[in-house]
């Protein structure tokens, strides 16, 4: 289905969903200003790398939760912190696929 501009209509509203996640990050009282800045930069960098909006949304949805779980500036996060986070995720009541998704997001963001 085409919109008025002749482009494919986004039936999943990916742009709107990404905008909401980014707004939630920016407005969160649980995420430090430094981490907010890093998350927005990461989002922009992913687009610059050529990732699709669906993939950027995938990462940002997970990073929004991760940022609230870690509770420290990302620049101060050490390998031990990440291992503890992965351990906590492994014990959460998530499907195995969701746990793998979180772990891949951690690897991508903290590389």
PDB file of N, CA and C in Angstrom:
ATOM      1  N   UNK A   1       0.841  -1.173   0.000  1.00  0.00           N
ATOM      2  CA  UNK A   1       0.000   0.000   0.000  1.00  0.00           C
ATOM      3  C   UNK A   1       0.890   1.241   0.000  1.00  0.00           C
ATOM      4  N   UNK A   2       0.587   2.178  -0.853  1.00  0.00           N
ATOM      5  CA  UNK A   2       1.384   3.394  -0.978  1.00  0.00           C
ATOM      6  C   UNK A   2       0.703   4.548  -0.262  1.00  0.00           C
ATOM      7  N   UNK A   3       1.542   5.434   0.304  1.00  0.00           N
ATOM      8  CA  UNK A   3       0.975   6.641   0.909  1.00  0.00           C
ATOM      9  C   UNK A   3       0.867   7.727  -0.157  1.00  0.00           C
ATOM     10  N   UNK A   4       0.473   8.930   0.234  1.00  0.00           N
ATOM     11  CA  UNK A   4       0.270  10.014  -0.742  1.00  0.00           C
ATOM     12  C   UNK A   4       1.546  10.389  -1.479  1.00  0.00           C
ATOM     13  N   UNK A   5       2.700  10.181  -0.857  1.00  0.00           N
ATOM     14  CA  UNK A   5       3.971  10.505  -1.497  1.00  0.00           C
ATOM     15  C   UNK A   5       4.480   9.421  -2.419  1.00  0.00           C
ATOM     16  N   UNK A   6       3.722   8.341  -2.567  1.00  0.00           N
ATOM     17  CA  UNK A   6       4.125   7.259  -3.456  1.00  0.00           C
ATOM     18  C   UNK A   6       5.068   6.260  -2.805  1.00  0.00           C
ATOM     19  N   UNK A   7       5.309   6.401  -1.489  1.00  0.00           N
ATOM     20  CA  UNK A   7       6.187   5.471  -0.779  1.00  0.00           C
ATOM     21  C   UNK A   7       5.348   4.415  -0.078  1.00  0.00           C
ATOM     22  N   UNK A   8       5.997   3.301   0.232  1.00  0.00           N
ATOM     23  CA  UNK A   8       5.303   2.239   0.956  1.00  0.00           C
ATOM     24  C   UNK A   8       4.880   2.751   2.335  1.00  0.00           C
ATOM     25  N   UNK A   9       3.646   2.465   2.691  1.00  0.00           N
ATOM     26  CA  UNK A   9       3.138   2.854   4.009  1.00  0.00           C
ATOM     27  C   UNK A   9       3.726   1.909   5.056  1.00  0.00           C
ATOM     28  N   UNK A  10       4.163   2.472   6.173  1.00  0.00           N
ATOM     29  CA  UNK A  10       4.735   1.692   7.268  1.00  0.00           C
ATOM     30  C   UNK A  10       3.603   1.201   8.160  1.00  0.00           C
ATOM     31  N   UNK A  11       3.099   0.008   7.867  1.00  0.00           N
ATOM     32  CA  UNK A  11       1.956  -0.505   8.619  1.00  0.00           C
ATOM     33  C   UNK A  11       2.314  -0.819  10.070  1.00  0.00           C
ATOM     34  N   UNK A  12       3.600  -0.944  10.362  1.00  0.00           N
ATOM     35  CA  UNK A  12       4.040  -1.242  11.723  1.00  0.00           C
ATOM     36  C   UNK A  12       4.402   0.015  12.506  1.00  0.00           C
ATOM     37  N   UNK A  13       4.337   1.170  11.847  1.00  0.00           N
ATOM     38  CA  UNK A  13       4.662   2.451  12.477  1.00  0.00           C
ATOM     39  C   UNK A  13       6.024   2.408  13.165  1.00  0.00           C
ATOM     40  N   UNK A  14       7.022   1.897  12.461  1.00  0.00           N
ATOM     41  CA  UNK A  14       8.352   1.766  13.044  1.00  0.00           C
ATOM     42  C   UNK A  14       8.927   3.114  13.458  1.00  0.00           C
ATOM     43  N   UNK A  15       8.749   4.128  12.614  1.00  0.00           N
ATOM     44  CA  UNK A  15       9.286   5.446  12.958  1.00  0.00           C
ATOM     45  C   UNK A  15       8.606   6.001  14.209  1.00  0.00           C
ATOM     46  N   UNK A  16       7.297   5.859  14.283  1.00  0.00           N
ATOM     47  CA  UNK A  16       6.569   6.324  15.460  1.00  0.00           C
ATOM     48  C   UNK A  16       6.996   5.577  16.713  1.00  0.00           C
ATOM     49  N   UNK A  17       7.192   4.272  16.591  1.00  0.00           N
ATOM     50  CA  UNK A  17       7.623   3.462  17.732  1.00  0.00           C
ATOM     51  C   UNK A  17       9.028   3.851  18.169  1.00  0.00           C
ATOM     52  N   UNK A  18       9.916   4.085  17.200  1.00  0.00           N
ATOM     53  CA  UNK A  18      11.273   4.516  17.548  1.00  0.00           C
ATOM     54  C   UNK A  18      11.239   5.884  18.218  1.00  0.00           C
ATOM     55  N   UNK A  19      10.424   6.780  17.683  1.00  0.00           N
ATOM     56  CA  UNK A  19      10.310   8.113  18.295  1.00  0.00           C
ATOM     57  C   UNK A  19       9.842   8.008  19.745  1.00  0.00           C
ATOM     58  N   UNK A  20       8.901   7.108  20.023  1.00  0.00           N
ATOM     59  CA  UNK A  20       8.410   6.936  21.396  1.00  0.00           C
ATOM     60  C   UNK A  20       9.498   6.395  22.322  1.00  0.00           C
ATOM     61  N   UNK A  21      10.272   5.423  21.841  1.00  0.00           N
ATOM     62  CA  UNK A  21      11.352   4.872  22.661  1.00  0.00           C
ATOM     63  C   UNK A  21      12.391   5.957  22.953  1.00  0.00           C
ATOM     64  N   UNK A  22      12.767   6.722  21.922  1.00  0.00           N
ATOM     65  CA  UNK A  22      13.746   7.791  22.121  1.00  0.00           C
ATOM     66  C   UNK A  22      13.204   8.849  23.081  1.00  0.00           C
ATOM     67  N   UNK A  23      11.929   9.160  22.970  1.00  0.00           N
ATOM     68  CA  UNK A  23      11.307  10.119  23.891  1.00  0.00           C
ATOM     69  C   UNK A  23      11.304   9.563  25.321  1.00  0.00           C
ATOM     70  N   UNK A  24      11.012   8.269  25.463  1.00  0.00           N
ATOM     71  CA  UNK A  24      11.043   7.640  26.790  1.00  0.00           C
ATOM     72  C   UNK A  24      12.440   7.698  27.394  1.00  0.00           C
ATOM     73  N   UNK A  25      13.441   7.495  26.567  1.00  0.00           N
ATOM     74  CA  UNK A  25      14.829   7.583  27.038  1.00  0.00           C
ATOM     75  C   UNK A  25      15.125   9.011  27.483  1.00  0.00           C
ATOM     76  N   UNK A  26      14.806   9.979  26.634  1.00  0.00           N
ATOM     77  CA  UNK A  26      15.090  11.380  26.953  1.00  0.00           C
ATOM     78  C   UNK A  26      14.370  11.848  28.213  1.00  0.00           C
ATOM     79  N   UNK A  27      13.157  11.347  28.447  1.00  0.00           N
ATOM     80  CA  UNK A  27      12.351  11.800  29.580  1.00  0.00           C
ATOM     81  C   UNK A  27      12.535  10.962  30.844  1.00  0.00           C
ATOM     82  N   UNK A  28      13.297   9.886  30.754  1.00  0.00           N
ATOM     83  CA  UNK A  28      13.446   8.986  31.890  1.00  0.00           C
ATOM     84  C   UNK A  28      14.218   9.643  33.033  1.00  0.00           C
ATOM     85  N   UNK A  29      13.694   9.497  34.227  1.00  0.00           N
ATOM     86  CA  UNK A  29      14.396   9.963  35.416  1.00  0.00           C
ATOM     87  C   UNK A  29      15.346   8.893  35.936  1.00  0.00           C
ATOM     88  N   UNK A  30      15.241   7.680  35.381  1.00  0.00           N
ATOM     89  CA  UNK A  30      16.081   6.555  35.808  1.00  0.00           C
ATOM     90  C   UNK A  30      17.387   6.455  35.017  1.00  0.00           C
ATOM     91  N   UNK A  31      17.509   7.239  33.959  1.00  0.00           N
ATOM     92  CA  UNK A  31      18.690   7.172  33.095  1.00  0.00           C
ATOM     93  C   UNK A  31      19.453   8.491  33.227  1.00  0.00           C
ATOM     94  N   UNK A  32      20.754   8.385  33.461  1.00  0.00           N
ATOM     95  CA  UNK A  32      21.575   9.586  33.653  1.00  0.00           C
ATOM     96  C   UNK A  32      21.666  10.385  32.351  1.00  0.00           C
ATOM     97  N   UNK A  33      21.902  11.693  32.461  1.00  0.00           N
ATOM     98  CA  UNK A  33      22.073  12.511  31.247  1.00  0.00           C
ATOM     99  C   UNK A  33      23.183  11.991  30.334  1.00  0.00           C
ATOM    100  N   UNK A  34      24.290  11.528  30.919  1.00  0.00           N
ATOM    101  CA  UNK A  34      25.385  10.988  30.103  1.00  0.00           C
ATOM    102  C   UNK A  34      24.930   9.762  29.318  1.00  0.00           C
ATOM    103  N   UNK A  35      24.193   8.874  29.971  1.00  0.00           N
ATOM    104  CA  UNK A  35      23.714   7.671  29.287  1.00  0.00           C
ATOM    105  C   UNK A  35      22.686   8.003  28.222  1.00  0.00           C
ATOM    106  N   UNK A  36      21.832   8.982  28.491  1.00  0.00           N
ATOM    107  CA  UNK A  36      20.866   9.414  27.475  1.00  0.00           C
ATOM    108  C   UNK A  36      21.601   9.872  26.217  1.00  0.00           C
ATOM    109  N   UNK A  37      22.628  10.674  26.425  1.00  0.00           N
ATOM    110  CA  UNK A  37      23.415  11.180  25.298  1.00  0.00           C
ATOM    111  C   UNK A  37      24.054  10.029  24.523  1.00  0.00           C
ATOM    112  N   UNK A  38      24.617   9.054  25.239  1.00  0.00           N
ATOM    113  CA  UNK A  38      25.252   7.913  24.580  1.00  0.00           C
ATOM    114  C   UNK A  38      24.240   7.061  23.816  1.00  0.00           C
ATOM    115  N   UNK A  39      23.052   6.909  24.367  1.00  0.00           N
ATOM    116  CA  UNK A  39      22.020   6.122  23.685  1.00  0.00           C
ATOM    117  C   UNK A  39      21.549   6.802  22.405  1.00  0.00           C
ATOM    118  N   UNK A  40      21.359   8.097  22.456  1.00  0.00           N
ATOM    119  CA  UNK A  40      20.942   8.836  21.253  1.00  0.00           C
ATOM    120  C   UNK A  40      22.049   8.777  20.201  1.00  0.00           C
ATOM    121  N   UNK A  41      23.290   8.932  20.634  1.00  0.00           N
ATOM    122  CA  UNK A  41      24.428   8.839  19.705  1.00  0.00           C
ATOM    123  C   UNK A  41      24.483   7.438  19.073  1.00  0.00           C
ATOM    124  N   UNK A  42      24.281   6.409  19.882  1.00  0.00           N
ATOM    125  CA  UNK A  42      24.288   5.042  19.373  1.00  0.00           C
ATOM    126  C   UNK A  42      23.208   4.869  18.305  1.00  0.00           C
ATOM    127  N   UNK A  43      22.024   5.391  18.574  1.00  0.00           N
ATOM    128  CA  UNK A  43      20.932   5.313  17.598  1.00  0.00           C
ATOM    129  C   UNK A  43      21.341   5.958  16.278  1.00  0.00           C
ATOM    130  N   UNK A  44      21.900   7.143  16.354  1.00  0.00           N
ATOM    131  CA  UNK A  44      22.350   7.844  15.142  1.00  0.00           C
ATOM    132  C   UNK A  44      23.462   7.078  14.436  1.00  0.00           C
ATOM    133  N   UNK A  45      24.394   6.523  15.208  1.00  0.00           N
ATOM    134  CA  UNK A  45      25.498   5.748  14.628  1.00  0.00           C
ATOM    135  C   UNK A  45      24.989   4.513  13.895  1.00  0.00           C
ATOM    136  N   UNK A  46      23.959   3.876  14.440  1.00  0.00           N
ATOM    137  CA  UNK A  46      23.410   2.675  13.805  1.00  0.00           C
ATOM    138  C   UNK A  46      22.796   3.015  12.445  1.00  0.00           C
ATOM    139  N   UNK A  47      22.114   4.157  12.370  1.00  0.00           N
ATOM    140  CA  UNK A  47      21.593   4.592  11.068  1.00  0.00           C
ATOM    141  C   UNK A  47      22.746   4.903  10.116  1.00  0.00           C
ATOM    142  N   UNK A  48      23.801   5.525  10.626  1.00  0.00           N
ATOM    143  CA  UNK A  48      24.965   5.851   9.789  1.00  0.00           C
ATOM    144  C   UNK A  48      25.646   4.587   9.267  1.00  0.00           C
ATOM    145  N   UNK A  49      25.556   3.495  10.024  1.00  0.00           N
ATOM    146  CA  UNK A  49      26.116   2.213   9.586  1.00  0.00           C
ATOM    147  C   UNK A  49      25.218   1.513   8.564  1.00  0.00           C
ATOM    148  N   UNK A  50      24.029   2.069   8.346  1.00  0.00           N
ATOM    149  CA  UNK A  50      23.131   1.496   7.356  1.00  0.00           C
ATOM    150  C   UNK A  50      22.111   0.514   7.917  1.00  0.00           C
ATOM    151  N   UNK A  51      21.983   0.447   9.241  1.00  0.00           N
ATOM    152  CA  UNK A  51      20.985  -0.448   9.822  1.00  0.00           C
ATOM    153  C   UNK A  51      19.585   0.070   9.522  1.00  0.00           C
ATOM    154  N   UNK A  52      18.653  -0.846   9.420  1.00  0.00           N
ATOM    155  CA  UNK A  52      17.263  -0.484   9.148  1.00  0.00           C
ATOM    156  C   UNK A  52      16.627   0.106  10.397  1.00  0.00           C
ATOM    157  N   UNK A  53      15.531   0.801  10.200  1.00  0.00           N
ATOM    158  CA  UNK A  53      14.811   1.371  11.332  1.00  0.00           C
ATOM    159  C   UNK A  53      14.325   0.258  12.262  1.00  0.00           C
ATOM    160  N   UNK A  54      13.951  -0.897  11.717  1.00  0.00           N
ATOM    161  CA  UNK A  54      13.500  -2.017  12.551  1.00  0.00           C
ATOM    162  C   UNK A  54      14.625  -2.504  13.458  1.00  0.00           C
ATOM    163  N   UNK A  55      15.848  -2.560  12.930  1.00  0.00           N
ATOM    164  CA  UNK A  55      16.980  -3.031  13.723  1.00  0.00           C
ATOM    165  C   UNK A  55      17.361  -2.002  14.783  1.00  0.00           C
ATOM    166  N   UNK A  56      17.324  -0.733  14.432  1.00  0.00           N
ATOM    167  CA  UNK A  56      17.620   0.320  15.414  1.00  0.00           C
ATOM    168  C   UNK A  56      16.575   0.281  16.528  1.00  0.00           C
ATOM    169  N   UNK A  57      15.320   0.106  16.164  1.00  0.00           N
ATOM    170  CA  UNK A  57      14.253  -0.008  17.162  1.00  0.00           C
ATOM    171  C   UNK A  57      14.495  -1.212  18.062  1.00  0.00           C
ATOM    172  N   UNK A  58      14.899  -2.327  17.486  1.00  0.00           N
ATOM    173  CA  UNK A  58      15.235  -3.541  18.249  1.00  0.00           C
ATOM    174  C   UNK A  58      16.254  -3.218  19.331  1.00  0.00           C
ATOM    175  N   UNK A  59      17.368  -2.574  18.938  1.00  0.00           N
ATOM    176  CA  UNK A  59      18.419  -2.242  19.901  1.00  0.00           C
ATOM    177  C   UNK A  59      17.941  -1.234  20.938  1.00  0.00           C
ATOM    178  N   UNK A  60      17.249  -0.200  20.495  1.00  0.00           N
ATOM    179  CA  UNK A  60      16.870   0.872  21.427  1.00  0.00           C
ATOM    180  C   UNK A  60      15.844   0.400  22.453  1.00  0.00           C
ATOM    181  N   UNK A  61      14.932  -0.474  22.065  1.00  0.00           N
ATOM    182  CA  UNK A  61      13.981  -1.034  23.031  1.00  0.00           C
ATOM    183  C   UNK A  61      14.712  -1.761  24.154  1.00  0.00           C
ATOM    184  N   UNK A  62      15.694  -2.533  23.802  1.00  0.00           N
ATOM    185  CA  UNK A  62      16.442  -3.295  24.795  1.00  0.00           C
ATOM    186  C   UNK A  62      17.369  -2.396  25.606  1.00  0.00           C
ATOM    187  N   UNK A  63      17.992  -1.440  24.952  1.00  0.00           N
ATOM    188  CA  UNK A  63      18.899  -0.541  25.669  1.00  0.00           C
ATOM    189  C   UNK A  63      18.169   0.348  26.661  1.00  0.00           C
ATOM    190  N   UNK A  64      16.927   0.679  26.380  1.00  0.00           N
ATOM    191  CA  UNK A  64      16.130   1.459  27.324  1.00  0.00           C
ATOM    192  C   UNK A  64      16.015   0.699  28.648  1.00  0.00           C
ATOM    193  N   UNK A  65      15.724  -0.596  28.566  1.00  0.00           N
ATOM    194  CA  UNK A  65      15.664  -1.415  29.781  1.00  0.00           C
ATOM    195  C   UNK A  65      17.041  -1.583  30.416  1.00  0.00           C
ATOM    196  N   UNK A  66      18.037  -1.888  29.613  1.00  0.00           N
ATOM    197  CA  UNK A  66      19.391  -2.101  30.137  1.00  0.00           C
ATOM    198  C   UNK A  66      19.876  -0.866  30.886  1.00  0.00           C
ATOM    199  N   UNK A  67      19.631   0.302  30.342  1.00  0.00           N
ATOM    200  CA  UNK A  67      20.076   1.551  30.982  1.00  0.00           C
ATOM    201  C   UNK A  67      19.424   1.718  32.353  1.00  0.00           C
ATOM    202  N   UNK A  68      18.185   1.303  32.478  1.00  0.00           N
ATOM    203  CA  UNK A  68      17.490   1.406  33.765  1.00  0.00           C
ATOM    204  C   UNK A  68      17.949   0.325  34.737  1.00  0.00           C
ATOM    205  N   UNK A  69      18.383  -0.805  34.230  1.00  0.00           N
ATOM    206  CA  UNK A  69      18.846  -1.891  35.101  1.00  0.00           C
ATOM    207  C   UNK A  69      20.247  -1.636  35.636  1.00  0.00           C
ATOM    208  N   UNK A  70      21.132  -1.073  34.829  1.00  0.00           N
ATOM    209  CA  UNK A  70      22.542  -0.910  35.220  1.00  0.00           C
ATOM    210  C   UNK A  70      22.720   0.137  36.317  1.00  0.00           C
ATOM    211  N   UNK A  71      22.029   1.254  36.215  1.00  0.00           N
ATOM    212  CA  UNK A  71      22.047   2.315  37.226  1.00  0.00           C
ATOM    213  C   UNK A  71      23.436   2.914  37.469  1.00  0.00           C
ATOM    214  N   UNK A  72      24.247   2.974  36.452  1.00  0.00           N
ATOM    215  CA  UNK A  72      25.517   3.695  36.525  1.00  0.00           C
ATOM    216  C   UNK A  72      25.869   4.178  35.134  1.00  0.00           C
ATOM    217  N   UNK A  73      26.732   5.165  35.060  1.00  0.00           N
ATOM    218  CA  UNK A  73      27.137   5.684  33.752  1.00  0.00           C
ATOM    219  C   UNK A  73      27.805   4.581  32.934  1.00  0.00           C
ATOM    220  N   UNK A  74      27.429   4.513  31.668  1.00  0.00           N
ATOM    221  CA  UNK A  74      27.971   3.469  30.804  1.00  0.00           C
ATOM    222  C   UNK A  74      29.490   3.530  30.711  1.00  0.00           C
ATOM    223  N   UNK A  75      30.052   4.727  30.774  1.00  0.00           N
ATOM    224  CA  UNK A  75      31.505   4.865  30.679  1.00  0.00           C
ATOM    225  C   UNK A  75      32.215   4.244  31.874  1.00  0.00           C
ATOM    226  N   UNK A  76      31.474   4.021  32.966  1.00  0.00           N
ATOM    227  CA  UNK A  76      32.046   3.415  34.173  1.00  0.00           C
ATOM    228  C   UNK A  76      31.776   1.915  34.260  1.00  0.00           C
ATOM    229  N   UNK A  77      31.006   1.383  33.325  1.00  0.00           N
ATOM    230  CA  UNK A  77      30.648  -0.036  33.343  1.00  0.00           C
ATOM    231  C   UNK A  77      31.892  -0.860  32.996  1.00  0.00           C
ATOM    232  N   UNK A  78      32.144  -1.862  33.821  1.00  0.00           N
ATOM    233  CA  UNK A  78      33.283  -2.761  33.631  1.00  0.00           C
ATOM    234  C   UNK A  78      32.777  -4.147  33.220  1.00  0.00           C
ATOM    235  N   UNK A  79      33.708  -4.992  32.854  1.00  0.00           N
ATOM    236  CA  UNK A  79      33.362  -6.351  32.426  1.00  0.00           C
ATOM    237  C   UNK A  79      32.572  -7.084  33.515  1.00  0.00           C
ATOM    238  N   UNK A  80      32.931  -6.887  34.770  1.00  0.00           N
ATOM    239  CA  UNK A  80      32.234  -7.543  35.874  1.00  0.00           C
ATOM    240  C   UNK A  80      30.760  -7.098  35.928  1.00  0.00           C
ATOM    241  N   UNK A  81      30.520  -5.806  35.662  1.00  0.00           N
ATOM    242  CA  UNK A  81      29.148  -5.291  35.639  1.00  0.00           C
ATOM    243  C   UNK A  81      28.337  -5.960  34.546  1.00  0.00           C
ATOM    244  N   UNK A  82      28.962  -6.140  33.387  1.00  0.00           N
ATOM    245  CA  UNK A  82      28.261  -6.759  32.265  1.00  0.00           C
ATOM    246  C   UNK A  82      27.976  -8.236  32.547  1.00  0.00           C
ATOM    247  N   UNK A  83      28.925  -8.909  33.167  1.00  0.00           N
ATOM    248  CA  UNK A  83      28.697 -10.315  33.533  1.00  0.00           C
ATOM    249  C   UNK A  83      27.536 -10.435  34.514  1.00  0.00           C
ATOM    250  N   UNK A  84      27.470  -9.522  35.464  1.00  0.00           N
ATOM    251  CA  UNK A  84      26.372  -9.524  36.431  1.00  0.00           C
ATOM    252  C   UNK A  84      25.037  -9.257  35.732  1.00  0.00           C
ATOM    253  N   UNK A  85      25.035  -8.331  34.782  1.00  0.00           N
ATOM    254  CA  UNK A  85      23.826  -8.035  34.023  1.00  0.00           C
ATOM    255  C   UNK A  85      23.369  -9.259  33.227  1.00  0.00           C
ATOM    256  N   UNK A  86      24.297  -9.912  32.557  1.00  0.00           N
ATOM    257  CA  UNK A  86      23.970 -11.113  31.775  1.00  0.00           C
ATOM    258  C   UNK A  86      23.430 -12.201  32.705  1.00  0.00           C
ATOM    259  N   UNK A  87      24.018 -12.338  33.888  1.00  0.00           N
ATOM    260  CA  UNK A  87      23.534 -13.318  34.865  1.00  0.00           C
ATOM    261  C   UNK A  87      22.090 -13.007  35.278  1.00  0.00           C
ATOM    262  N   UNK A  88      21.810 -11.729  35.538  1.00  0.00           N
ATOM    263  CA  UNK A  88      20.452 -11.326  35.925  1.00  0.00           C
ATOM    264  C   UNK A  88      19.449 -11.599  34.811  1.00  0.00           C
ATOM    265  N   UNK A  89      19.847 -11.281  33.590  1.00  0.00           N
ATOM    266  CA  UNK A  89      18.964 -11.533  32.447  1.00  0.00           C
ATOM    267  C   UNK A  89      18.686 -13.028  32.310  1.00  0.00           C
ATOM    268  N   UNK A  90      19.713 -13.850  32.517  1.00  0.00           N
ATOM    269  CA  UNK A  90      19.555 -15.303  32.414  1.00  0.00           C
ATOM    270  C   UNK A  90      18.539 -15.826  33.425  1.00  0.00           C
ATOM    271  N   UNK A  91      18.398 -15.130  34.548  1.00  0.00           N
ATOM    272  CA  UNK A  91      17.478 -15.578  35.590  1.00  0.00           C
ATOM    273  C   UNK A  91      16.085 -14.954  35.472  1.00  0.00           C
ATOM    274  N   UNK A  92      15.922 -14.033  34.541  1.00  0.00           N
ATOM    275  CA  UNK A  92      14.620 -13.390  34.360  1.00  0.00           C
ATOM    276  C   UNK A  92      13.648 -14.334  33.674  1.00  0.00           C
ATOM    277  N   UNK A  93      12.370 -14.062  33.839  1.00  0.00           N
ATOM    278  CA  UNK A  93      11.327 -14.889  33.267  1.00  0.00           C
ATOM    279  C   UNK A  93      11.058 -14.478  31.813  1.00  0.00           C
ATOM    280  N   UNK A  94      12.116 -14.547  31.002  1.00  0.00           N
ATOM    281  CA  UNK A  94      12.027 -14.241  29.579  1.00  0.00           C
ATOM    282  C   UNK A  94      12.254 -15.518  28.791  1.00  0.00           C
ATOM    283  N   UNK A  95      11.784 -15.528  27.556  1.00  0.00           N
ATOM    284  CA  UNK A  95      12.073 -16.668  26.678  1.00  0.00           C
ATOM    285  C   UNK A  95      13.563 -16.683  26.368  1.00  0.00           C
ATOM    286  N   UNK A  96      14.036 -17.839  25.952  1.00  0.00           N
ATOM    287  CA  UNK A  96      15.463 -17.955  25.599  1.00  0.00           C
ATOM    288  C   UNK A  96      15.815 -16.996  24.460  1.00  0.00           C
ATOM    289  N   UNK A  97      14.900 -16.828  23.517  1.00  0.00           N
ATOM    290  CA  UNK A  97      15.137 -15.917  22.390  1.00  0.00           C
ATOM    291  C   UNK A  97      15.324 -14.484  22.883  1.00  0.00           C
ATOM    292  N   UNK A  98      14.508 -14.056  23.829  1.00  0.00           N
ATOM    293  CA  UNK A  98      14.619 -12.708  24.367  1.00  0.00           C
ATOM    294  C   UNK A  98      15.946 -12.534  25.098  1.00  0.00           C
ATOM    295  N   UNK A  99      16.364 -13.542  25.823  1.00  0.00           N
ATOM    296  CA  UNK A  99      17.655 -13.478  26.526  1.00  0.00           C
ATOM    297  C   UNK A  99      18.805 -13.341  25.532  1.00  0.00           C
ATOM    298  N   UNK A 100      18.739 -14.092  24.438  1.00  0.00           N
ATOM    299  CA  UNK A 100      19.754 -13.987  23.381  1.00  0.00           C
ATOM    300  C   UNK A 100      19.739 -12.583  22.780  1.00  0.00           C
ATOM    301  N   UNK A 101      18.541 -12.035  22.571  1.00  0.00           N
ATOM    302  CA  UNK A 101      18.417 -10.682  22.016  1.00  0.00           C
ATOM    303  C   UNK A 101      19.073  -9.650  22.935  1.00  0.00           C
ATOM    304  N   UNK A 102      18.835  -9.756  24.236  1.00  0.00           N
ATOM    305  CA  UNK A 102      19.467  -8.827  25.182  1.00  0.00           C
ATOM    306  C   UNK A 102      20.989  -8.986  25.163  1.00  0.00           C
ATOM    307  N   UNK A 103      21.456 -10.217  25.132  1.00  0.00           N
ATOM    308  CA  UNK A 103      22.908 -10.441  25.122  1.00  0.00           C
ATOM    309  C   UNK A 103      23.554  -9.895  23.854  1.00  0.00           C
ATOM    310  N   UNK A 104      22.889 -10.040  22.714  1.00  0.00           N
ATOM    311  CA  UNK A 104      23.457  -9.496  21.470  1.00  0.00           C
ATOM    312  C   UNK A 104      23.469  -7.972  21.500  1.00  0.00           C
ATOM    313  N   UNK A 105      22.469  -7.382  22.144  1.00  0.00           N
ATOM    314  CA  UNK A 105      22.420  -5.918  22.279  1.00  0.00           C
ATOM    315  C   UNK A 105      23.556  -5.434  23.170  1.00  0.00           C
ATOM    316  N   UNK A 106      23.792  -6.142  24.254  1.00  0.00           N
ATOM    317  CA  UNK A 106      24.906  -5.795  25.164  1.00  0.00           C
ATOM    318  C   UNK A 106      26.222  -5.842  24.405  1.00  0.00           C
ATOM    319  N   UNK A 107      26.427  -6.902  23.632  1.00  0.00           N
ATOM    320  CA  UNK A 107      27.677  -7.032  22.858  1.00  0.00           C
ATOM    321  C   UNK A 107      27.829  -5.895  21.852  1.00  0.00           C
ATOM    322  N   UNK A 108      26.746  -5.558  21.166  1.00  0.00           N
ATOM    323  CA  UNK A 108      26.798  -4.510  20.148  1.00  0.00           C
ATOM    324  C   UNK A 108      27.090  -3.135  20.776  1.00  0.00           C
ATOM    325  N   UNK A 109      26.420  -2.833  21.869  1.00  0.00           N
ATOM    326  CA  UNK A 109      26.547  -1.513  22.472  1.00  0.00           C
ATOM    327  C   UNK A 109      27.868  -1.342  23.211  1.00  0.00           C
ATOM    328  N   UNK A 110      28.302  -2.340  23.939  1.00  0.00           N
ATOM    329  CA  UNK A 110      29.478  -2.206  24.801  1.00  0.00           C
ATOM    330  C   UNK A 110      30.781  -2.685  24.165  1.00  0.00           C
ATOM    331  N   UNK A 111      30.765  -2.928  22.838  1.00  0.00           N
ATOM    332  CA  UNK A 111      32.009  -3.394  22.182  1.00  0.00           C
ATOM    333  C   UNK A 111      33.053  -2.308  22.115  1.00  0.00           C
TER     334      UNK A 111
END
